[in-house]
Amino acid sequence: PALSKAKLFDGNSIPVTVRFSDSTGIPN
């Protein structure tokens, strides 16, 4: 909070969805 007043950084637990990925548009 010393850096940002955004709700994201107020210390409460925030649910997240994370996607890890490979580069390129080749799906296989």
mmCIF file of all heavy atoms, coordinates in Angstrom:
data_MODEL
# 
_entry.id   MODEL 
# 
loop_
_atom_site.group_PDB 
_atom_site.id 
_atom_site.type_symbol 
_atom_site.label_atom_id 
_atom_site.label_alt_id 
_atom_site.label_comp_id 
_atom_site.label_asym_id 
_atom_site.label_entity_id 
_atom_site.label_seq_id 
_atom_site.pdbx_PDB_ins_code 
_atom_site.Cartn_x 
_atom_site.Cartn_y 
_atom_site.Cartn_z 
_atom_site.occupancy 
_atom_site.B_iso_or_equiv 
_atom_site.pdbx_formal_charge 
_atom_site.auth_seq_id 
_atom_site.auth_comp_id 
_atom_site.auth_asym_id 
_atom_site.auth_atom_id 
_atom_site.pdbx_PDB_model_num 
ATOM 1   N N   . PRO A 1 1  ? 0.799   -1.234  0.000   1.00 0.00 ? 1  PRO A N   1 
ATOM 2   C CA  . PRO A 1 1  ? 0.000   0.000   0.000   1.00 0.00 ? 1  PRO A CA  1 
ATOM 3   C C   . PRO A 1 1  ? 0.829   1.280   0.000   1.00 0.00 ? 1  PRO A C   1 
ATOM 4   O O   . PRO A 1 1  ? 0.315   2.338   -0.379  1.00 0.00 ? 1  PRO A O   1 
ATOM 5   C CB  . PRO A 1 1  ? -0.818  -0.124  1.290   1.00 0.00 ? 1  PRO A CB  1 
ATOM 6   C CG  . PRO A 1 1  ? -0.915  -1.597  1.524   1.00 0.00 ? 1  PRO A CG  1 
ATOM 7   C CD  . PRO A 1 1  ? 0.420   -2.126  1.096   1.00 0.00 ? 1  PRO A CD  1 
ATOM 8   N N   . ALA A 1 2  ? 2.098   1.195   0.388   1.00 0.00 ? 2  ALA A N   1 
ATOM 9   C CA  . ALA A 1 2  ? 2.947   2.387   0.344   1.00 0.00 ? 2  ALA A CA  1 
ATOM 10  C C   . ALA A 1 2  ? 3.228   2.807   -1.086  1.00 0.00 ? 2  ALA A C   1 
ATOM 11  O O   . ALA A 1 2  ? 3.569   3.967   -1.345  1.00 0.00 ? 2  ALA A O   1 
ATOM 12  C CB  . ALA A 1 2  ? 4.260   2.123   1.086   1.00 0.00 ? 2  ALA A CB  1 
ATOM 13  N N   . LEU A 1 3  ? 3.061   1.863   -2.032  1.00 0.00 ? 3  LEU A N   1 
ATOM 14  C CA  . LEU A 1 3  ? 3.297   2.154   -3.446  1.00 0.00 ? 3  LEU A CA  1 
ATOM 15  C C   . LEU A 1 3  ? 2.008   2.426   -4.210  1.00 0.00 ? 3  LEU A C   1 
ATOM 16  O O   . LEU A 1 3  ? 1.989   3.231   -5.142  1.00 0.00 ? 3  LEU A O   1 
ATOM 17  C CB  . LEU A 1 3  ? 4.035   0.986   -4.101  1.00 0.00 ? 3  LEU A CB  1 
ATOM 18  C CG  . LEU A 1 3  ? 5.508   0.810   -3.773  1.00 0.00 ? 3  LEU A CG  1 
ATOM 19  C CD1 . LEU A 1 3  ? 6.027   -0.476  -4.414  1.00 0.00 ? 3  LEU A CD1 1 
ATOM 20  C CD2 . LEU A 1 3  ? 6.313   2.004   -4.250  1.00 0.00 ? 3  LEU A CD2 1 
ATOM 21  N N   . SER A 1 4  ? 0.925   1.732   -3.837  1.00 0.00 ? 4  SER A N   1 
ATOM 22  C CA  . SER A 1 4  ? -0.300  1.849   -4.623  1.00 0.00 ? 4  SER A CA  1 
ATOM 23  C C   . SER A 1 4  ? -1.538  1.756   -3.729  1.00 0.00 ? 4  SER A C   1 
ATOM 24  O O   . SER A 1 4  ? -1.594  0.936   -2.805  1.00 0.00 ? 4  SER A O   1 
ATOM 25  C CB  . SER A 1 4  ? -0.349  0.745   -5.679  1.00 0.00 ? 4  SER A CB  1 
ATOM 26  O OG  . SER A 1 4  ? -1.586  0.742   -6.360  1.00 0.00 ? 4  SER A OG  1 
ATOM 27  N N   . LYS A 1 5  ? -2.525  2.592   -4.033  1.00 0.00 ? 5  LYS A N   1 
ATOM 28  C CA  . LYS A 1 5  ? -3.806  2.542   -3.333  1.00 0.00 ? 5  LYS A CA  1 
ATOM 29  C C   . LYS A 1 5  ? -4.797  1.609   -4.013  1.00 0.00 ? 5  LYS A C   1 
ATOM 30  O O   . LYS A 1 5  ? -5.943  1.496   -3.575  1.00 0.00 ? 5  LYS A O   1 
ATOM 31  C CB  . LYS A 1 5  ? -4.406  3.940   -3.253  1.00 0.00 ? 5  LYS A CB  1 
ATOM 32  C CG  . LYS A 1 5  ? -4.695  4.574   -4.618  1.00 0.00 ? 5  LYS A CG  1 
ATOM 33  C CD  . LYS A 1 5  ? -5.216  5.993   -4.475  1.00 0.00 ? 5  LYS A CD  1 
ATOM 34  C CE  . LYS A 1 5  ? -5.454  6.640   -5.831  1.00 0.00 ? 5  LYS A CE  1 
ATOM 35  N NZ  . LYS A 1 5  ? -5.946  8.032   -5.713  1.00 0.00 ? 5  LYS A NZ  1 
ATOM 36  N N   . ALA A 1 6  ? -4.384  0.914   -5.059  1.00 0.00 ? 6  ALA A N   1 
ATOM 37  C CA  . ALA A 1 6  ? -5.270  0.006   -5.787  1.00 0.00 ? 6  ALA A CA  1 
ATOM 38  C C   . ALA A 1 6  ? -5.752  -1.120  -4.881  1.00 0.00 ? 6  ALA A C   1 
ATOM 39  O O   . ALA A 1 6  ? -5.020  -1.600  -4.002  1.00 0.00 ? 6  ALA A O   1 
ATOM 40  C CB  . ALA A 1 6  ? -4.554  -0.570  -7.004  1.00 0.00 ? 6  ALA A CB  1 
ATOM 41  N N   . LYS A 1 7  ? -6.992  -1.542  -5.092  1.00 0.00 ? 7  LYS A N   1 
ATOM 42  C CA  . LYS A 1 7  ? -7.589  -2.610  -4.301  1.00 0.00 ? 7  LYS A CA  1 
ATOM 43  C C   . LYS A 1 7  ? -6.760  -3.885  -4.361  1.00 0.00 ? 7  LYS A C   1 
ATOM 44  O O   . LYS A 1 7  ? -6.719  -4.663  -3.392  1.00 0.00 ? 7  LYS A O   1 
ATOM 45  C CB  . LYS A 1 7  ? -9.005  -2.882  -4.818  1.00 0.00 ? 7  LYS A CB  1 
ATOM 46  C CG  . LYS A 1 7  ? -9.818  -3.856  -3.987  1.00 0.00 ? 7  LYS A CG  1 
ATOM 47  C CD  . LYS A 1 7  ? -10.175 -3.282  -2.640  1.00 0.00 ? 7  LYS A CD  1 
ATOM 48  C CE  . LYS A 1 7  ? -11.067 -4.240  -1.848  1.00 0.00 ? 7  LYS A CE  1 
ATOM 49  N NZ  . LYS A 1 7  ? -11.348 -3.737  -0.480  1.00 0.00 ? 7  LYS A NZ  1 
ATOM 50  N N   . LEU A 1 8  ? -6.081  -4.080  -5.458  1.00 0.00 ? 8  LEU A N   1 
ATOM 51  C CA  . LEU A 1 8  ? -5.257  -5.268  -5.643  1.00 0.00 ? 8  LEU A CA  1 
ATOM 52  C C   . LEU A 1 8  ? -4.201  -5.412  -4.554  1.00 0.00 ? 8  LEU A C   1 
ATOM 53  O O   . LEU A 1 8  ? -3.802  -6.524  -4.196  1.00 0.00 ? 8  LEU A O   1 
ATOM 54  C CB  . LEU A 1 8  ? -4.590  -5.197  -7.028  1.00 0.00 ? 8  LEU A CB  1 
ATOM 55  C CG  . LEU A 1 8  ? -3.643  -6.327  -7.424  1.00 0.00 ? 8  LEU A CG  1 
ATOM 56  C CD1 . LEU A 1 8  ? -4.360  -7.661  -7.448  1.00 0.00 ? 8  LEU A CD1 1 
ATOM 57  C CD2 . LEU A 1 8  ? -3.035  -6.030  -8.795  1.00 0.00 ? 8  LEU A CD2 1 
ATOM 58  N N   . PHE A 1 9  ? -3.748  -4.283  -4.005  1.00 0.00 ? 9  PHE A N   1 
ATOM 59  C CA  . PHE A 1 9  ? -2.620  -4.314  -3.078  1.00 0.00 ? 9  PHE A CA  1 
ATOM 60  C C   . PHE A 1 9  ? -3.006  -3.989  -1.634  1.00 0.00 ? 9  PHE A C   1 
ATOM 61  O O   . PHE A 1 9  ? -2.168  -3.587  -0.832  1.00 0.00 ? 9  PHE A O   1 
ATOM 62  C CB  . PHE A 1 9  ? -1.550  -3.334  -3.556  1.00 0.00 ? 9  PHE A CB  1 
ATOM 63  C CG  . PHE A 1 9  ? -1.057  -3.618  -4.948  1.00 0.00 ? 9  PHE A CG  1 
ATOM 64  C CD1 . PHE A 1 9  ? -1.335  -2.746  -5.996  1.00 0.00 ? 9  PHE A CD1 1 
ATOM 65  C CD2 . PHE A 1 9  ? -0.339  -4.767  -5.222  1.00 0.00 ? 9  PHE A CD2 1 
ATOM 66  C CE1 . PHE A 1 9  ? -0.893  -3.008  -7.278  1.00 0.00 ? 9  PHE A CE1 1 
ATOM 67  C CE2 . PHE A 1 9  ? 0.109   -5.044  -6.502  1.00 0.00 ? 9  PHE A CE2 1 
ATOM 68  C CZ  . PHE A 1 9  ? -0.169  -4.166  -7.540  1.00 0.00 ? 9  PHE A CZ  1 
ATOM 69  N N   . ASP A 1 10 ? -4.299  -4.170  -1.289  1.00 0.00 ? 10 ASP A N   1 
ATOM 70  C CA  . ASP A 1 10 ? -4.720  -3.802  0.067   1.00 0.00 ? 10 ASP A CA  1 
ATOM 71  C C   . ASP A 1 10 ? -4.497  -4.898  1.100   1.00 0.00 ? 10 ASP A C   1 
ATOM 72  O O   . ASP A 1 10 ? -4.851  -4.741  2.275   1.00 0.00 ? 10 ASP A O   1 
ATOM 73  C CB  . ASP A 1 10 ? -6.183  -3.346  0.071   1.00 0.00 ? 10 ASP A CB  1 
ATOM 74  C CG  . ASP A 1 10 ? -7.164  -4.482  -0.238  1.00 0.00 ? 10 ASP A CG  1 
ATOM 75  O OD1 . ASP A 1 10 ? -6.726  -5.635  -0.426  1.00 0.00 ? 10 ASP A OD1 1 
ATOM 76  O OD2 . ASP A 1 10 ? -8.377  -4.200  -0.295  1.00 0.00 ? 10 ASP A OD2 1 
ATOM 77  N N   . GLY A 1 11 ? -3.939  -6.026  0.697   1.00 0.00 ? 11 GLY A N   1 
ATOM 78  C CA  . GLY A 1 11 ? -3.611  -7.088  1.638   1.00 0.00 ? 11 GLY A CA  1 
ATOM 79  C C   . GLY A 1 11 ? -4.639  -8.191  1.739   1.00 0.00 ? 11 GLY A C   1 
ATOM 80  O O   . GLY A 1 11 ? -4.401  -9.209  2.403   1.00 0.00 ? 11 GLY A O   1 
ATOM 81  N N   . ASN A 1 12 ? -5.800  -8.034  1.109   1.00 0.00 ? 12 ASN A N   1 
ATOM 82  C CA  . ASN A 1 12 ? -6.808  -9.094  1.102   1.00 0.00 ? 12 ASN A CA  1 
ATOM 83  C C   . ASN A 1 12 ? -6.457  -10.157 0.068   1.00 0.00 ? 12 ASN A C   1 
ATOM 84  O O   . ASN A 1 12 ? -5.717  -9.908  -0.895  1.00 0.00 ? 12 ASN A O   1 
ATOM 85  C CB  . ASN A 1 12 ? -8.188  -8.511  0.791   1.00 0.00 ? 12 ASN A CB  1 
ATOM 86  C CG  . ASN A 1 12 ? -8.732  -7.692  1.936   1.00 0.00 ? 12 ASN A CG  1 
ATOM 87  O OD1 . ASN A 1 12 ? -8.725  -8.131  3.088   1.00 0.00 ? 12 ASN A OD1 1 
ATOM 88  N ND2 . ASN A 1 12 ? -9.193  -6.469  1.641   1.00 0.00 ? 12 ASN A ND2 1 
ATOM 89  N N   . SER A 1 13 ? -6.991  -11.352 0.263   1.00 0.00 ? 13 SER A N   1 
ATOM 90  C CA  . SER A 1 13 ? -6.751  -12.454 -0.670  1.00 0.00 ? 13 SER A CA  1 
ATOM 91  C C   . SER A 1 13 ? -7.574  -12.234 -1.943  1.00 0.00 ? 13 SER A C   1 
ATOM 92  O O   . SER A 1 13 ? -8.786  -12.024 -1.885  1.00 0.00 ? 13 SER A O   1 
ATOM 93  C CB  . SER A 1 13 ? -7.132  -13.785 -0.017  1.00 0.00 ? 13 SER A CB  1 
ATOM 94  O OG  . SER A 1 13 ? -6.890  -14.861 -0.902  1.00 0.00 ? 13 SER A OG  1 
ATOM 95  N N   . ILE A 1 14 ? -6.903  -12.261 -3.094  1.00 0.00 ? 14 ILE A N   1 
ATOM 96  C CA  . ILE A 1 14 ? -7.531  -12.022 -4.391  1.00 0.00 ? 14 ILE A CA  1 
ATOM 97  C C   . ILE A 1 14 ? -7.451  -13.306 -5.222  1.00 0.00 ? 14 ILE A C   1 
ATOM 98  O O   . ILE A 1 14 ? -6.360  -13.819 -5.473  1.00 0.00 ? 14 ILE A O   1 
ATOM 99  C CB  . ILE A 1 14 ? -6.822  -10.877 -5.151  1.00 0.00 ? 14 ILE A CB  1 
ATOM 100 C CG1 . ILE A 1 14 ? -6.769  -9.605  -4.309  1.00 0.00 ? 14 ILE A CG1 1 
ATOM 101 C CG2 . ILE A 1 14 ? -7.485  -10.642 -6.495  1.00 0.00 ? 14 ILE A CG2 1 
ATOM 102 C CD1 . ILE A 1 14 ? -8.095  -8.955  -4.077  1.00 0.00 ? 14 ILE A CD1 1 
ATOM 103 N N   . PRO A 1 15 ? -8.594  -13.859 -5.672  1.00 0.00 ? 15 PRO A N   1 
ATOM 104 C CA  . PRO A 1 15 ? -8.532  -15.038 -6.545  1.00 0.00 ? 15 PRO A CA  1 
ATOM 105 C C   . PRO A 1 15 ? -7.854  -14.681 -7.876  1.00 0.00 ? 15 PRO A C   1 
ATOM 106 O O   . PRO A 1 15 ? -8.048  -13.578 -8.400  1.00 0.00 ? 15 PRO A O   1 
ATOM 107 C CB  . PRO A 1 15 ? -10.001 -15.405 -6.765  1.00 0.00 ? 15 PRO A CB  1 
ATOM 108 C CG  . PRO A 1 15 ? -10.764 -14.675 -5.709  1.00 0.00 ? 15 PRO A CG  1 
ATOM 109 C CD  . PRO A 1 15 ? -9.985  -13.436 -5.406  1.00 0.00 ? 15 PRO A CD  1 
ATOM 110 N N   . VAL A 1 16 ? -7.088  -15.609 -8.407  1.00 0.00 ? 16 VAL A N   1 
ATOM 111 C CA  . VAL A 1 16 ? -6.400  -15.372 -9.673  1.00 0.00 ? 16 VAL A CA  1 
ATOM 112 C C   . VAL A 1 16 ? -6.544  -16.579 -10.589 1.00 0.00 ? 16 VAL A C   1 
ATOM 113 O O   . VAL A 1 16 ? -6.678  -17.716 -10.143 1.00 0.00 ? 16 VAL A O   1 
ATOM 114 C CB  . VAL A 1 16 ? -4.893  -15.070 -9.476  1.00 0.00 ? 16 VAL A CB  1 
ATOM 115 C CG1 . VAL A 1 16 ? -4.697  -13.822 -8.640  1.00 0.00 ? 16 VAL A CG1 1 
ATOM 116 C CG2 . VAL A 1 16 ? -4.171  -16.259 -8.834  1.00 0.00 ? 16 VAL A CG2 1 
ATOM 117 N N   . THR A 1 17 ? -6.546  -16.291 -11.887 1.00 0.00 ? 17 THR A N   1 
ATOM 118 C CA  . THR A 1 17 ? -6.430  -17.306 -12.920 1.00 0.00 ? 17 THR A CA  1 
ATOM 119 C C   . THR A 1 17 ? -5.119  -17.036 -13.651 1.00 0.00 ? 17 THR A C   1 
ATOM 120 O O   . THR A 1 17 ? -4.869  -15.908 -14.075 1.00 0.00 ? 17 THR A O   1 
ATOM 121 C CB  . THR A 1 17 ? -7.603  -17.241 -13.914 1.00 0.00 ? 17 THR A CB  1 
ATOM 122 O OG1 . THR A 1 17 ? -8.833  -17.367 -13.195 1.00 0.00 ? 17 THR A OG1 1 
ATOM 123 C CG2 . THR A 1 17 ? -7.507  -18.362 -14.941 1.00 0.00 ? 17 THR A CG2 1 
ATOM 124 N N   . VAL A 1 18 ? -4.287  -18.054 -13.778 1.00 0.00 ? 18 VAL A N   1 
ATOM 125 C CA  . VAL A 1 18 ? -2.948  -17.899 -14.361 1.00 0.00 ? 18 VAL A CA  1 
ATOM 126 C C   . VAL A 1 18 ? -2.812  -18.814 -15.570 1.00 0.00 ? 18 VAL A C   1 
ATOM 127 O O   . VAL A 1 18 ? -3.215  -19.981 -15.520 1.00 0.00 ? 18 VAL A O   1 
ATOM 128 C CB  . VAL A 1 18 ? -1.855  -18.242 -13.329 1.00 0.00 ? 18 VAL A CB  1 
ATOM 129 C CG1 . VAL A 1 18 ? -0.459  -18.049 -13.935 1.00 0.00 ? 18 VAL A CG1 1 
ATOM 130 C CG2 . VAL A 1 18 ? -2.007  -17.394 -12.068 1.00 0.00 ? 18 VAL A CG2 1 
ATOM 131 N N   . ARG A 1 19 ? -2.267  -18.283 -16.644 1.00 0.00 ? 19 ARG A N   1 
ATOM 132 C CA  . ARG A 1 19 ? -2.004  -19.098 -17.831 1.00 0.00 ? 19 ARG A CA  1 
ATOM 133 C C   . ARG A 1 19 ? -0.517  -19.052 -18.150 1.00 0.00 ? 19 ARG A C   1 
ATOM 134 O O   . ARG A 1 19 ? 0.050   -17.987 -18.409 1.00 0.00 ? 19 ARG A O   1 
ATOM 135 C CB  . ARG A 1 19 ? -2.798  -18.618 -19.050 1.00 0.00 ? 19 ARG A CB  1 
ATOM 136 C CG  . ARG A 1 19 ? -2.630  -19.529 -20.278 1.00 0.00 ? 19 ARG A CG  1 
ATOM 137 C CD  . ARG A 1 19 ? -3.498  -19.051 -21.436 1.00 0.00 ? 19 ARG A CD  1 
ATOM 138 N NE  . ARG A 1 19 ? -3.512  -20.000 -22.529 1.00 0.00 ? 19 ARG A NE  1 
ATOM 139 C CZ  . ARG A 1 19 ? -2.710  -19.916 -23.611 1.00 0.00 ? 19 ARG A CZ  1 
ATOM 140 N NH1 . ARG A 1 19 ? -1.846  -18.908 -23.722 1.00 0.00 ? 19 ARG A NH1 1 
ATOM 141 N NH2 . ARG A 1 19 ? -2.772  -20.817 -24.563 1.00 0.00 ? 19 ARG A NH2 1 
ATOM 142 N N   . PHE A 1 20 ? 0.127   -20.217 -18.119 1.00 0.00 ? 20 PHE A N   1 
ATOM 143 C CA  . PHE A 1 20 ? 1.505   -20.372 -18.579 1.00 0.00 ? 20 PHE A CA  1 
ATOM 144 C C   . PHE A 1 20 ? 1.454   -20.820 -20.042 1.00 0.00 ? 20 PHE A C   1 
ATOM 145 O O   . PHE A 1 20 ? 0.582   -21.615 -20.420 1.00 0.00 ? 20 PHE A O   1 
ATOM 146 C CB  . PHE A 1 20 ? 2.251   -21.418 -17.754 1.00 0.00 ? 20 PHE A CB  1 
ATOM 147 C CG  . PHE A 1 20 ? 2.427   -21.052 -16.304 1.00 0.00 ? 20 PHE A CG  1 
ATOM 148 C CD1 . PHE A 1 20 ? 1.581   -21.559 -15.340 1.00 0.00 ? 20 PHE A CD1 1 
ATOM 149 C CD2 . PHE A 1 20 ? 3.451   -20.197 -15.918 1.00 0.00 ? 20 PHE A CD2 1 
ATOM 150 C CE1 . PHE A 1 20 ? 1.738   -21.230 -14.000 1.00 0.00 ? 20 PHE A CE1 1 
ATOM 151 C CE2 . PHE A 1 20 ? 3.624   -19.854 -14.581 1.00 0.00 ? 20 PHE A CE2 1 
ATOM 152 C CZ  . PHE A 1 20 ? 2.756   -20.368 -13.622 1.00 0.00 ? 20 PHE A CZ  1 
ATOM 153 N N   . SER A 1 21 ? 2.384   -20.339 -20.858 1.00 0.00 ? 21 SER A N   1 
ATOM 154 C CA  . SER A 1 21 ? 2.266   -20.637 -22.286 1.00 0.00 ? 21 SER A CA  1 
ATOM 155 C C   . SER A 1 21 ? 3.610   -20.707 -22.988 1.00 0.00 ? 21 SER A C   1 
ATOM 156 O O   . SER A 1 21 ? 4.625   -20.192 -22.494 1.00 0.00 ? 21 SER A O   1 
ATOM 157 C CB  . SER A 1 21 ? 1.406   -19.570 -22.968 1.00 0.00 ? 21 SER A CB  1 
ATOM 158 O OG  . SER A 1 21 ? 2.001   -18.293 -22.832 1.00 0.00 ? 21 SER A OG  1 
ATOM 159 N N   . ASP A 1 22 ? 3.584   -21.376 -24.147 1.00 0.00 ? 22 ASP A N   1 
ATOM 160 C CA  . ASP A 1 22 ? 4.716   -21.386 -25.078 1.00 0.00 ? 22 ASP A CA  1 
ATOM 161 C C   . ASP A 1 22 ? 4.506   -20.292 -26.112 1.00 0.00 ? 22 ASP A C   1 
ATOM 162 O O   . ASP A 1 22 ? 3.368   -19.965 -26.460 1.00 0.00 ? 22 ASP A O   1 
ATOM 163 C CB  . ASP A 1 22 ? 4.811   -22.731 -25.805 1.00 0.00 ? 22 ASP A CB  1 
ATOM 164 C CG  . ASP A 1 22 ? 5.161   -23.883 -24.877 1.00 0.00 ? 22 ASP A CG  1 
ATOM 165 O OD1 . ASP A 1 22 ? 5.661   -23.629 -23.769 1.00 0.00 ? 22 ASP A OD1 1 
ATOM 166 O OD2 . ASP A 1 22 ? 4.908   -25.047 -25.270 1.00 0.00 ? 22 ASP A OD2 1 
ATOM 167 N N   . SER A 1 23 ? 5.587   -19.783 -26.653 1.00 0.00 ? 23 SER A N   1 
ATOM 168 C CA  . SER A 1 23 ? 5.487   -18.789 -27.718 1.00 0.00 ? 23 SER A CA  1 
ATOM 169 C C   . SER A 1 23 ? 5.016   -19.459 -29.014 1.00 0.00 ? 23 SER A C   1 
ATOM 170 O O   . SER A 1 23 ? 4.946   -20.685 -29.101 1.00 0.00 ? 23 SER A O   1 
ATOM 171 C CB  . SER A 1 23 ? 6.841   -18.114 -27.925 1.00 0.00 ? 23 SER A CB  1 
ATOM 172 O OG  . SER A 1 23 ? 6.735   -17.017 -28.798 1.00 0.00 ? 23 SER A OG  1 
ATOM 173 N N   . THR A 1 24 ? 4.697   -18.631 -29.993 1.00 0.00 ? 24 THR A N   1 
ATOM 174 C CA  . THR A 1 24 ? 4.220   -18.974 -31.332 1.00 0.00 ? 24 THR A CA  1 
ATOM 175 C C   . THR A 1 24 ? 2.736   -19.322 -31.335 1.00 0.00 ? 24 THR A C   1 
ATOM 176 O O   . THR A 1 24 ? 2.131   -19.565 -30.288 1.00 0.00 ? 24 THR A O   1 
ATOM 177 C CB  . THR A 1 24 ? 4.989   -20.131 -32.019 1.00 0.00 ? 24 THR A CB  1 
ATOM 178 O OG1 . THR A 1 24 ? 4.486   -21.388 -31.581 1.00 0.00 ? 24 THR A OG1 1 
ATOM 179 C CG2 . THR A 1 24 ? 6.476   -20.034 -31.782 1.00 0.00 ? 24 THR A CG2 1 
ATOM 180 N N   . GLY A 1 25 ? 2.177   -19.376 -32.532 1.00 0.00 ? 25 GLY A N   1 
ATOM 181 C CA  . GLY A 1 25 ? 0.781   -19.755 -32.708 1.00 0.00 ? 25 GLY A CA  1 
ATOM 182 C C   . GLY A 1 25 ? 0.603   -21.218 -33.044 1.00 0.00 ? 25 GLY A C   1 
ATOM 183 O O   . GLY A 1 25 ? -0.462  -21.618 -33.511 1.00 0.00 ? 25 GLY A O   1 
ATOM 184 N N   . ILE A 1 26 ? 1.631   -22.039 -32.811 1.00 0.00 ? 26 ILE A N   1 
ATOM 185 C CA  . ILE A 1 26 ? 1.587   -23.469 -33.140 1.00 0.00 ? 26 ILE A CA  1 
ATOM 186 C C   . ILE A 1 26 ? 1.079   -24.241 -31.925 1.00 0.00 ? 26 ILE A C   1 
ATOM 187 O O   . ILE A 1 26 ? 1.774   -24.326 -30.906 1.00 0.00 ? 26 ILE A O   1 
ATOM 188 C CB  . ILE A 1 26 ? 2.986   -23.976 -33.556 1.00 0.00 ? 26 ILE A CB  1 
ATOM 189 C CG1 . ILE A 1 26 ? 3.521   -23.125 -34.715 1.00 0.00 ? 26 ILE A CG1 1 
ATOM 190 C CG2 . ILE A 1 26 ? 2.939   -25.449 -33.929 1.00 0.00 ? 26 ILE A CG2 1 
ATOM 191 C CD1 . ILE A 1 26 ? 4.978   -23.400 -35.060 1.00 0.00 ? 26 ILE A CD1 1 
ATOM 192 N N   . PRO A 1 27 ? -0.122  -24.813 -31.977 1.00 0.00 ? 27 PRO A N   1 
ATOM 193 C CA  . PRO A 1 27 ? -0.720  -25.394 -30.773 1.00 0.00 ? 27 PRO A CA  1 
ATOM 194 C C   . PRO A 1 27 ? -0.103  -26.705 -30.295 1.00 0.00 ? 27 PRO A C   1 
ATOM 195 O O   . PRO A 1 27 ? -0.280  -27.081 -29.142 1.00 0.00 ? 27 PRO A O   1 
ATOM 196 C CB  . PRO A 1 27 ? -2.191  -25.592 -31.164 1.00 0.00 ? 27 PRO A CB  1 
ATOM 197 C CG  . PRO A 1 27 ? -2.185  -25.672 -32.646 1.00 0.00 ? 27 PRO A CG  1 
ATOM 198 C CD  . PRO A 1 27 ? -1.064  -24.796 -33.109 1.00 0.00 ? 27 PRO A CD  1 
ATOM 199 N N   . ASN A 1 28 ? 0.627   -27.419 -31.161 1.00 0.00 ? 28 ASN A N   1 
ATOM 200 C CA  . ASN A 1 28 ? 1.224   -28.695 -30.762 1.00 0.00 ? 28 ASN A CA  1 
ATOM 201 C C   . ASN A 1 28 ? 2.744   -28.604 -30.650 1.00 0.00 ? 28 ASN A C   1 
ATOM 202 O O   . ASN A 1 28 ? 3.449   -29.603 -30.746 1.00 0.00 ? 28 ASN A O   1 
ATOM 203 C CB  . ASN A 1 28 ? 0.835   -29.798 -31.746 1.00 0.00 ? 28 ASN A CB  1 
ATOM 204 C CG  . ASN A 1 28 ? 1.282   -29.491 -33.175 1.00 0.00 ? 28 ASN A CG  1 
ATOM 205 O OD1 . ASN A 1 28 ? 1.706   -28.370 -33.475 1.00 0.00 ? 28 ASN A OD1 1 
ATOM 206 N ND2 . ASN A 1 28 ? 1.190   -30.478 -34.050 1.00 0.00 ? 28 ASN A ND2 1 
# 
